[in-house]
């Protein structure tokens, strides 16, 4: 009986520990998205880009095609959103965050930008990966 109780206790403890790790990961990813939203709303594209993996392997896929590489994506954003009237105020609605592996999650959501040149709304799927202890976007599909 004692062995059964000990086995159940260890199993439950491991389950709670795993869930809390996953919740911590999700909270950390939400914090990255919050910082990104604040940076965007301050018209600070470079700070907004800090959420992305600074790599030539970074991928951004939207209705106008695939862009690869951190620098190319930064240039794309700067051209598409040249002024504060274009960046406006960003908000997100996170619909789902799902674990892919210990160091990767995907995020499904909606974005809403209130701005002078006309509001913009769309959906996105982001893949986050823990790189050197930080959560970074490695793939962004937005439309």
Protein backbone atom coordinates (compact mmCIF):
# COMPACT_ATOMS: atom_id res chain seq x y z
CA UNK A 1 0.00 0.00 0.00
CA UNK A 2 2.80 2.42 0.88
CA UNK A 3 4.52 1.72 -2.44
CA UNK A 4 1.30 2.43 -4.33
CA UNK A 5 0.80 5.69 -2.44
CA UNK A 6 4.42 6.71 -3.12
CA UNK A 7 4.05 5.89 -6.83
CA UNK A 8 0.83 7.94 -7.06
CA UNK A 9 2.44 10.83 -5.20
CA UNK A 10 5.48 10.88 -7.50
CA UNK A 11 3.24 10.63 -10.58
CA UNK A 12 1.01 13.51 -9.44
CA UNK A 13 4.01 15.63 -8.45
CA UNK A 14 5.62 15.09 -11.85
CA UNK A 15 2.36 15.98 -13.60
CA UNK A 16 1.95 19.20 -11.60
CA UNK A 17 5.61 20.10 -12.20
CA UNK A 18 5.23 19.56 -15.96
CA UNK A 19 2.08 21.65 -16.08
CA UNK A 20 3.70 24.47 -14.16
CA UNK A 21 6.70 24.43 -16.52
CA UNK A 22 4.35 24.65 -19.48
CA UNK A 23 2.42 27.50 -17.84
CA UNK A 24 5.70 29.34 -17.16
CA UNK A 25 6.67 28.90 -20.81
CA UNK A 26 3.29 30.22 -21.97
CA UNK A 27 3.54 33.19 -19.60
CA UNK A 28 7.04 33.97 -20.91
CA UNK A 29 5.78 33.84 -24.51
CA UNK A 30 2.87 36.13 -23.61
CA UNK A 31 5.38 38.55 -22.05
CA UNK A 32 7.37 38.60 -25.32
CA UNK A 33 4.16 39.37 -27.23
CA UNK A 34 3.25 42.12 -24.76
CA UNK A 35 6.67 43.76 -25.14
CA UNK A 36 6.31 43.46 -28.90
CA UNK A 37 2.85 45.08 -28.82
CA UNK A 38 4.13 47.98 -26.70
CA UNK A 39 7.13 48.55 -28.99
CA UNK A 40 4.92 48.54 -32.09
CA UNK A 41 2.50 51.01 -30.52
CA UNK A 42 5.46 53.34 -29.79
CA UNK A 43 6.41 53.14 -33.50
CA UNK A 44 9.64 51.35 -32.55
CA UNK A 45 10.01 48.69 -35.24
CA UNK A 46 13.54 47.69 -34.19
CA UNK A 47 12.41 47.04 -30.62
CA UNK A 48 9.39 45.15 -32.00
CA UNK A 49 11.83 42.99 -33.98
CA UNK A 50 13.66 41.95 -30.79
CA UNK A 51 11.03 39.22 -30.42
CA UNK A 52 12.34 37.61 -33.60
CA UNK A 53 15.30 35.27 -33.94
CA UNK A 54 18.19 37.30 -35.31
CA UNK A 55 19.08 34.81 -38.02
CA UNK A 56 19.09 34.41 -41.77
CA UNK A 57 16.88 31.35 -41.16
CA UNK A 58 14.01 33.42 -39.70
CA UNK A 59 10.91 33.13 -41.92
CA UNK A 60 7.98 35.52 -42.41
CA UNK A 61 5.12 34.37 -44.65
CA UNK A 62 2.29 36.70 -45.63
CA UNK A 63 -0.04 37.31 -48.55
CA UNK A 64 2.79 38.87 -50.59
CA UNK A 65 5.06 35.85 -50.17
CA UNK A 66 7.92 34.53 -48.09
CA UNK A 67 10.62 36.77 -46.61
CA UNK A 68 13.64 35.17 -44.94
CA UNK A 69 16.24 36.64 -42.63
CA UNK A 70 15.96 39.09 -39.75
CA UNK A 71 17.40 42.05 -41.69
CA UNK A 72 15.09 41.49 -44.69
CA UNK A 73 12.05 41.27 -42.43
CA UNK A 74 13.08 44.49 -40.65
CA UNK A 75 13.39 46.23 -44.03
CA UNK A 76 9.97 44.87 -45.05
CA UNK A 77 8.36 46.24 -41.86
CA UNK A 78 10.06 49.63 -42.23
CA UNK A 79 8.82 49.99 -45.82
CA UNK A 80 5.27 48.85 -45.02
CA UNK A 81 4.99 50.94 -41.83
CA UNK A 82 7.09 54.08 -42.44
CA UNK A 83 5.42 56.42 -39.90
CA UNK A 84 3.50 56.42 -36.65
CA UNK A 85 0.30 56.92 -38.69
CA UNK A 86 1.02 53.52 -40.26
CA UNK A 87 2.01 51.60 -37.12
CA UNK A 88 -0.83 52.93 -34.97
CA UNK A 89 -1.80 51.00 -31.84
CA UNK A 90 -1.48 47.22 -31.90
CA UNK A 91 -3.52 44.72 -29.93
CA UNK A 92 -3.52 40.94 -30.00
CA UNK A 93 -6.08 38.30 -29.22
CA UNK A 94 -4.28 35.05 -28.40
CA UNK A 95 -6.53 32.13 -29.33
CA UNK A 96 -4.18 29.24 -28.59
CA UNK A 97 -0.67 28.47 -27.40
CA UNK A 98 0.32 24.84 -27.94
CA UNK A 99 3.51 23.04 -27.00
CA UNK A 100 5.33 21.40 -29.92
CA UNK A 101 8.36 20.21 -27.93
CA UNK A 102 10.18 21.18 -24.73
CA UNK A 103 11.65 24.23 -26.46
CA UNK A 104 8.98 25.13 -29.02
CA UNK A 105 5.37 26.35 -29.10
CA UNK A 106 3.02 27.66 -31.72
CA UNK A 107 0.73 30.60 -31.10
CA UNK A 108 -2.52 31.25 -32.99
CA UNK A 109 -4.10 34.65 -32.74
CA UNK A 110 -5.54 37.79 -34.22
CA UNK A 111 -4.02 41.23 -34.52
CA UNK A 112 -5.80 44.56 -34.64
CA UNK A 113 -4.10 47.84 -35.53
CA UNK A 114 -5.95 51.12 -34.96
CA UNK A 115 -4.33 53.81 -37.07
CA UNK A 116 -4.80 57.08 -38.91
CA UNK A 117 -4.35 55.57 -42.39
CA UNK A 118 -7.06 52.95 -41.77
CA UNK A 119 -7.30 50.08 -39.36
CA UNK A 120 -5.78 46.71 -40.13
CA UNK A 121 -6.93 43.34 -38.83
CA UNK A 122 -5.71 39.84 -39.49
CA UNK A 123 -4.67 36.48 -38.14
CA UNK A 124 -1.29 34.97 -37.38
CA UNK A 125 0.51 31.80 -36.46
CA UNK A 126 3.87 32.16 -34.76
CA UNK A 127 6.37 29.46 -33.90
CA UNK A 128 8.40 30.30 -30.81
CA UNK A 129 11.59 28.51 -29.93
CA UNK A 130 13.69 28.84 -26.79
CA UNK A 131 17.11 29.95 -28.00
CA UNK A 132 19.87 30.60 -25.46
CA UNK A 133 17.23 30.72 -22.72
CA UNK A 134 15.02 33.29 -24.51
CA UNK A 135 11.77 32.77 -26.39
CA UNK A 136 12.14 33.94 -29.99
CA UNK A 137 9.82 33.88 -32.99
CA UNK A 138 11.41 31.65 -35.64
CA UNK A 139 8.44 31.56 -38.06
CA UNK A 140 5.68 34.15 -38.52
CA UNK A 141 2.72 33.58 -40.80
CA UNK A 142 0.45 36.63 -40.86
CA UNK A 143 -2.37 37.69 -43.12
